[in-house]
Amino acid sequence: AGSMAAPALPDPSECTCDPSFSGERQVSLEELAEHLTEASCWVLIRGAVWDLTPFLVDHPGGAGAILEFAGRDATAVWESLHPPE
């Protein structure tokens, strides 16, 4: 297994993406796994589902860096790039 570059996900406090679905409804892992394309890119971060589709075009590392983690839990990657203050 080679090392992978981790994507820079938006800070939830500054995210212009759609807000977490968690407060509105439950999203199953099966449903999350269906959203792994440029047309619909969802990730799970700290128990909240984020639609990062609008952020893909603005991501400095390119859409592929986020799409690599689309449709699944990206918490470990997120926390490695955004350690608690």
Protein backbone atom coordinates (compact mmCIF):
# COMPACT_ATOMS: atom_id res chain seq x y z
CA ALA A 1 0.00 0.00 0.00
CA GLY A 2 1.44 3.32 -1.05
CA SER A 3 0.93 6.61 0.66
CA MET A 4 -1.91 8.80 -0.56
CA ALA A 5 -2.12 12.56 -0.51
CA ALA A 6 -4.96 13.60 1.75
CA PRO A 7 -7.49 16.09 0.40
CA ALA A 8 -8.02 19.44 2.05
CA LEU A 9 -11.68 19.40 3.02
CA PRO A 10 -13.46 22.65 3.80
CA ASP A 11 -13.74 23.75 7.41
CA PRO A 12 -17.36 23.05 8.41
CA SER A 13 -17.54 26.48 10.07
CA GLU A 14 -16.59 28.12 6.76
CA CYS A 15 -18.19 25.63 4.37
CA THR A 16 -20.27 27.07 1.56
CA CYS A 17 -21.38 23.52 0.76
CA ASP A 18 -24.76 22.15 1.70
CA PRO A 19 -24.99 21.76 5.47
CA SER A 20 -24.86 18.43 7.21
CA PHE A 21 -27.83 16.17 6.61
CA SER A 22 -27.44 14.72 10.11
CA GLY A 23 -29.76 17.20 11.79
CA GLU A 24 -32.44 16.73 9.16
CA ARG A 25 -32.49 12.97 8.68
CA GLN A 26 -30.44 9.83 9.02
CA VAL A 27 -28.27 8.87 6.05
CA SER A 28 -27.35 5.19 5.82
CA LEU A 29 -23.86 4.08 4.84
CA GLU A 30 -25.48 2.48 1.79
CA GLU A 31 -26.98 5.81 0.71
CA LEU A 32 -23.70 7.62 1.42
CA ALA A 33 -21.86 5.11 -0.77
CA GLU A 34 -24.07 6.06 -3.73
CA HIS A 35 -22.69 9.62 -3.76
CA LEU A 36 -19.17 9.22 -5.11
CA THR A 37 -19.17 11.12 -8.39
CA GLU A 38 -18.51 14.67 -9.55
CA ALA A 39 -22.28 15.04 -9.96
CA SER A 40 -22.95 14.09 -6.32
CA CYS A 41 -20.07 13.91 -3.85
CA TRP A 42 -20.92 13.24 -0.21
CA VAL A 43 -18.50 12.46 2.62
CA LEU A 44 -18.96 11.60 6.28
CA ILE A 45 -16.93 13.77 8.68
CA ARG A 46 -17.29 13.40 12.46
CA GLY A 47 -20.71 11.81 12.14
CA ALA A 48 -22.11 14.45 9.78
CA VAL A 49 -22.74 13.95 6.07
CA TRP A 50 -21.51 16.76 3.83
CA ASP A 51 -22.37 17.37 0.19
CA LEU A 52 -19.02 18.59 -1.17
CA THR A 53 -20.19 18.66 -4.78
CA PRO A 54 -20.07 22.49 -5.04
CA PHE A 55 -16.56 22.55 -3.49
CA LEU A 56 -15.00 20.18 -6.04
CA VAL A 57 -14.32 22.92 -8.61
CA ASP A 58 -12.70 25.17 -5.98
CA HIS A 59 -10.52 22.58 -4.27
CA PRO A 60 -6.86 23.59 -4.64
CA GLY A 61 -5.76 19.96 -5.01
CA GLY A 62 -8.34 19.23 -7.68
CA ALA A 63 -11.59 17.34 -7.53
CA GLY A 64 -9.83 13.97 -7.53
CA ALA A 65 -8.38 14.56 -4.08
CA ILE A 66 -11.89 14.73 -2.61
CA LEU A 67 -13.46 12.17 -4.93
CA GLU A 68 -10.95 9.64 -3.60
CA PHE A 69 -12.88 9.76 -0.30
CA ALA A 70 -16.39 10.33 -1.70
CA GLY A 71 -19.17 8.08 -0.50
CA ARG A 72 -17.42 7.07 2.72
CA ASP A 73 -16.12 8.18 6.09
CA ALA A 74 -13.39 10.80 5.64
CA THR A 75 -13.04 11.60 9.36
CA ALA A 76 -9.49 10.23 9.72
CA VAL A 77 -8.28 12.23 6.72
CA TRP A 78 -10.11 15.34 7.90
CA GLU A 79 -8.67 15.10 11.42
CA SER A 80 -5.14 14.52 10.13
CA LEU A 81 -5.37 17.83 8.25
CA HIS A 82 -7.39 19.76 10.85
CA PRO A 83 -6.09 18.82 14.32
CA PRO A 84 -8.04 20.16 17.30
CA GLU A 85 -6.85 23.54 18.48
